[in-house]
Amino acid sequence: MGNKRIFFIFLLAFFSVTGVVYPEDAGAQLPNVCVSGIMYDAQSSLAVVNGEPVKPGEEINGIKVVKISESAVSFEYKGQSFEKRIGDNCITSPFLYKQTSQITKIINRPHSSQVSARARRANSRISIFHYENLFMFVLLIVAILFYVYNSLCLQKIAAKTNTPFGWFAWLPILNVFLILMIANKSFWWLILLLIPLVNLACIIIIWMEIAKRRNKPAWLGLLMMLPVANFLVIGYLAFSG
């Protein structure tokens, strides 16, 4: 009798560890379901369940999809109803679950034209978002490189004209004071630099004075108003002999 009891306990433990389902009258064990994405529409919705796109009424591994809401999916399994929200029991975050690939699967699967159009628009928005991020990242890198180059050139010009506080070149606003100091202009010129149109003439005059201090032709100051040319001129004034 004792051996039978030990065998029964061992068998029960084995069923628990291996995940063997008890008879239905004891209550079926709910399966592990991962809802990694939802495309909600009042008329026709889609959900990505265990990596597969499904819609209400469809089954996946014996699990029936009953209803899809904006943030959760209702299921039915062996007479039991349960609900899973996005990300529940998922190994990875739903936003890291290859969202683009999921939408591509949904588009290729036969659904209504309305849902396919919504999926294509969503896929298009994702692509545009990625391209916009890439463009902004490249633009940021270019801006940083330009700022470093401009600051380095200004510091070199200050050193070659024996102007103190060359490190002002690396700080916003202070670099404007340094430019006026190199050109031997009063700080009152800051007011002129704030006046539209007048500031353009002031910039030309200031850089003409800087060119003279570097023993270069004064007309180089005119080129500081031209894109690309000003980039080359400041480098020439900084690194030429």
Protein backbone atom coordinates (compact mmCIF):
# COMPACT_ATOMS: atom_id res chain seq x y z
CA MET A 1 0.00 0.00 0.00
CA GLY A 2 2.86 2.36 0.81
CA ASN A 3 4.53 1.64 -2.55
CA LYS A 4 1.30 2.45 -4.44
CA ARG A 5 1.03 5.79 -2.60
CA ILE A 6 4.64 6.67 -3.44
CA PHE A 7 4.06 5.71 -7.10
CA PHE A 8 0.92 7.86 -7.28
CA ILE A 9 2.76 10.89 -5.81
CA PHE A 10 5.63 10.37 -8.26
CA LEU A 11 3.19 10.12 -11.21
CA LEU A 12 1.39 13.31 -10.14
CA ALA A 13 4.70 15.16 -9.83
CA PHE A 14 5.73 13.90 -13.28
CA PHE A 15 2.51 15.22 -14.84
CA SER A 16 3.04 18.62 -13.18
CA VAL A 17 6.64 18.98 -14.36
CA THR A 18 6.11 17.79 -17.94
CA GLY A 19 2.99 19.91 -18.37
CA VAL A 20 0.59 17.03 -19.10
CA VAL A 21 -2.95 18.41 -19.19
CA TYR A 22 -5.40 17.09 -16.64
CA PRO A 23 -8.78 15.77 -17.80
CA GLU A 24 -11.27 18.39 -18.84
CA ASP A 25 -13.46 17.83 -15.85
CA ALA A 26 -10.55 18.95 -13.67
CA GLY A 27 -10.11 22.14 -15.66
CA ALA A 28 -7.89 22.49 -18.76
CA GLN A 29 -4.57 24.26 -18.31
CA LEU A 30 -4.44 27.56 -20.19
CA PRO A 31 -1.82 27.63 -22.96
CA ASN A 32 1.00 30.14 -23.16
CA VAL A 33 -0.03 32.84 -25.63
CA CYS A 34 1.95 35.89 -26.68
CA VAL A 35 0.17 38.86 -28.25
CA SER A 36 2.98 40.89 -29.79
CA GLY A 37 0.97 43.32 -31.90
CA ILE A 38 -2.55 44.54 -32.72
CA MET A 39 -3.92 46.36 -35.75
CA TYR A 40 -7.32 47.49 -34.51
CA ASP A 41 -10.19 48.39 -36.81
CA ALA A 42 -13.85 48.61 -35.87
CA GLN A 43 -14.84 46.36 -38.79
CA SER A 44 -11.84 44.09 -39.30
CA SER A 45 -8.99 43.79 -36.80
CA LEU A 46 -5.79 41.76 -36.82
CA ALA A 47 -3.49 40.55 -34.07
CA VAL A 48 -0.07 38.93 -34.06
CA VAL A 49 -0.32 35.89 -31.78
CA ASN A 50 2.72 33.70 -31.24
CA GLY A 51 4.31 35.32 -34.27
CA GLU A 52 1.32 34.67 -36.59
CA PRO A 53 -1.27 37.22 -37.81
CA VAL A 54 -4.85 36.17 -36.98
CA LYS A 55 -8.30 37.73 -36.98
CA PRO A 56 -11.46 37.05 -34.93
CA GLY A 57 -12.85 33.58 -35.51
CA GLU A 58 -9.53 32.04 -36.53
CA GLU A 59 -7.66 29.42 -34.52
CA ILE A 60 -3.97 28.97 -33.82
CA ASN A 61 -2.79 25.73 -32.22
CA GLY A 62 -6.32 24.96 -31.10
CA ILE A 63 -6.78 28.38 -29.51
CA LYS A 64 -9.70 30.35 -30.93
CA VAL A 65 -9.52 34.13 -31.28
CA VAL A 66 -12.85 35.45 -30.05
CA LYS A 67 -12.40 39.23 -29.99
CA ILE A 68 -9.67 41.77 -30.74
CA SER A 69 -9.72 45.13 -28.98
CA GLU A 70 -7.27 48.02 -29.14
CA SER A 71 -4.92 46.62 -26.49
CA ALA A 72 -5.99 43.01 -25.80
CA VAL A 73 -7.20 39.81 -27.43
CA SER A 74 -9.89 37.47 -26.04
CA PHE A 75 -9.37 33.73 -26.55
CA GLU A 76 -11.27 30.49 -26.01
CA TYR A 77 -9.53 27.20 -25.29
CA LYS A 78 -11.30 23.96 -24.39
CA GLY A 79 -14.35 25.79 -23.12
CA GLN A 80 -12.35 28.33 -21.11
CA SER A 81 -12.19 32.02 -21.96
CA PHE A 82 -9.21 34.21 -21.18
CA GLU A 83 -7.70 37.49 -22.32
CA LYS A 84 -4.14 38.57 -23.11
CA ARG A 85 -2.86 42.11 -23.42
CA ILE A 86 -0.02 43.16 -25.72
CA GLY A 87 3.28 41.93 -24.32
CA ASP A 88 1.87 39.44 -21.78
CA ASN A 89 4.05 36.29 -21.56
CA CYS A 90 6.20 37.56 -24.41
CA ILE A 91 9.92 36.91 -24.29
CA THR A 92 10.69 40.26 -25.89
CA SER A 93 8.97 43.62 -25.91
CA PRO A 94 6.26 43.89 -28.59
CA PHE A 95 8.06 46.88 -30.05
CA LEU A 96 11.18 44.75 -30.54
CA TYR A 97 9.30 41.86 -32.13
CA LYS A 98 10.21 42.70 -35.75
CA GLN A 99 7.23 44.98 -36.24
CA THR A 100 7.97 45.60 -39.89
CA SER A 101 8.10 41.87 -40.68
CA GLN A 102 4.79 41.34 -38.91
CA ILE A 103 3.03 44.00 -40.96
CA THR A 104 4.52 42.57 -44.15
CA LYS A 105 3.07 39.16 -43.24
CA ILE A 106 -0.34 40.75 -42.64
CA ILE A 107 -0.24 42.52 -46.00
CA ASN A 108 0.62 39.32 -47.89
CA ARG A 109 -2.14 37.37 -46.18
CA PRO A 110 -5.57 37.45 -47.91
CA HIS A 111 -7.73 39.95 -46.04
CA SER A 112 -10.10 42.71 -47.00
CA SER A 113 -8.71 45.52 -49.14
CA GLN A 114 -9.43 48.01 -46.38
CA VAL A 115 -7.23 46.18 -43.87
CA SER A 116 -4.50 45.70 -46.46
CA ALA A 117 -4.53 49.42 -47.21
CA ARG A 118 -4.27 50.24 -43.51
CA ALA A 119 -1.38 47.79 -43.18
CA ARG A 120 0.45 49.35 -46.14
CA ARG A 121 -0.01 52.81 -44.64
CA ALA A 122 1.32 51.59 -41.30
CA ASN A 123 4.31 49.98 -43.00
CA SER A 124 4.91 53.20 -44.92
CA ARG A 125 4.81 55.24 -41.70
CA ILE A 126 7.38 52.93 -40.11
CA SER A 127 9.71 53.29 -43.10
CA ILE A 128 9.33 57.07 -43.14
CA PHE A 129 10.00 57.16 -39.38
CA HIS A 130 13.21 55.19 -39.87
CA TYR A 131 14.38 57.41 -42.73
CA GLU A 132 13.57 60.57 -40.77
CA ASN A 133 15.57 59.30 -37.80
CA LEU A 134 18.51 58.46 -40.05
CA PHE A 135 18.35 61.88 -41.70
CA MET A 136 18.22 63.67 -38.35
CA PHE A 137 21.15 61.61 -37.06
CA VAL A 138 23.27 62.44 -40.12
CA LEU A 139 22.27 66.10 -39.87
CA LEU A 140 23.30 66.16 -36.21
CA ILE A 141 26.70 64.62 -36.99
CA VAL A 142 27.30 67.15 -39.79
CA ALA A 143 26.32 70.03 -37.49
CA ILE A 144 28.70 68.82 -34.78
CA LEU A 145 31.57 68.43 -37.26
CA PHE A 146 30.94 71.89 -38.68
CA TYR A 147 30.87 73.43 -35.19
CA VAL A 148 34.14 71.71 -34.24
CA TYR A 149 35.78 72.80 -37.50
CA ASN A 150 34.57 76.40 -37.17
CA SER A 151 35.67 76.63 -33.51
CA LEU A 152 39.09 75.15 -34.27
CA CYS A 153 39.64 77.59 -37.15
CA LEU A 154 38.58 80.56 -35.03
CA GLN A 155 40.94 79.51 -32.24
CA LYS A 156 43.80 79.19 -34.75
CA ILE A 157 43.07 82.66 -36.16
CA ALA A 158 43.08 84.10 -32.61
CA ALA A 159 46.44 82.46 -31.93
CA LYS A 160 47.99 83.76 -35.17
CA THR A 161 46.74 87.30 -34.50
CA ASN A 162 47.89 87.21 -30.86
CA THR A 163 44.33 87.65 -29.63
CA PRO A 164 43.76 86.48 -26.03
CA PHE A 165 41.01 84.16 -24.85
CA GLY A 166 41.22 81.90 -27.90
CA TRP A 167 39.20 79.28 -26.03
CA PHE A 168 36.16 81.54 -26.43
CA ALA A 169 35.92 79.99 -29.90
CA TRP A 170 34.36 76.84 -28.44
CA LEU A 171 31.56 78.56 -26.52
CA PRO A 172 28.39 80.05 -28.04
CA ILE A 173 28.02 83.86 -27.69
CA LEU A 174 31.58 84.13 -26.38
CA ASN A 175 32.83 83.15 -29.84
CA VAL A 176 31.14 86.29 -31.19
CA PHE A 177 33.09 88.40 -28.67
CA LEU A 178 36.27 86.67 -29.84
CA ILE A 179 35.53 87.52 -33.49
CA LEU A 180 35.09 91.20 -32.57
CA MET A 181 38.31 91.10 -30.57
CA ILE A 182 40.23 89.63 -33.54
CA ALA A 183 38.80 92.33 -35.83
CA ASN A 184 39.63 95.08 -33.25
CA LYS A 185 35.97 96.09 -33.10
CA SER A 186 34.09 97.40 -30.08
CA PHE A 187 31.60 95.18 -28.34
CA TRP A 188 28.95 97.75 -29.27
CA TRP A 189 28.99 96.10 -32.69
CA LEU A 190 26.89 93.37 -31.09
CA ILE A 191 23.92 95.73 -31.31
CA LEU A 192 24.53 96.23 -35.04
CA LEU A 193 24.69 92.47 -35.53
CA LEU A 194 21.13 92.23 -34.20
CA ILE A 195 19.70 94.59 -36.85
CA PRO A 196 18.49 92.84 -40.05
CA LEU A 197 20.38 93.75 -43.24
CA VAL A 198 22.75 95.94 -41.23
CA ASN A 199 24.24 92.80 -39.71
CA LEU A 200 25.13 91.51 -43.19
CA ALA A 201 27.25 94.56 -43.89
CA CYS A 202 28.81 94.31 -40.43
CA ILE A 203 29.79 90.68 -40.97
CA ILE A 204 31.54 91.59 -44.23
CA ILE A 205 33.42 94.47 -42.59
CA ILE A 206 34.43 92.34 -39.60
CA TRP A 207 35.84 89.53 -41.73
CA MET A 208 37.59 91.99 -44.03
CA GLU A 209 39.40 93.33 -40.94
CA ILE A 210 40.23 89.79 -39.85
CA ALA A 211 41.66 89.03 -43.31
CA LYS A 212 43.83 92.16 -43.08
CA ARG A 213 45.13 91.11 -39.68
CA ARG A 214 46.15 87.81 -41.24
CA ASN A 215 47.90 89.74 -44.05
CA LYS A 216 45.43 88.35 -46.60
CA PRO A 217 43.38 90.18 -49.25
CA ALA A 218 40.49 92.10 -47.68
CA TRP A 219 38.03 90.91 -50.36
CA LEU A 220 38.07 87.49 -48.68
CA GLY A 221 35.62 89.01 -46.22
CA LEU A 222 33.04 89.22 -49.02
CA LEU A 223 33.23 85.46 -49.52
CA MET A 224 32.10 84.89 -45.94
CA MET A 225 28.56 85.61 -47.12
CA LEU A 226 28.61 82.72 -49.59
CA PRO A 227 27.81 79.14 -48.56
CA VAL A 228 30.70 76.67 -48.94
CA ALA A 229 33.04 79.58 -49.79
CA ASN A 230 32.91 80.81 -46.18
CA PHE A 231 33.79 77.29 -45.07
CA LEU A 232 36.94 77.41 -47.20
CA VAL A 233 37.85 81.00 -46.34
CA ILE A 234 37.85 80.49 -42.57
CA GLY A 235 40.03 77.42 -43.05
CA TYR A 236 42.42 79.39 -45.25
CA LEU A 237 42.69 82.22 -42.71
CA ALA A 238 43.31 79.69 -39.95
CA PHE A 239 45.84 77.30 -41.46
CA SER A 240 47.66 79.29 -44.18
CA GLY A 241 51.05 80.78 -43.46
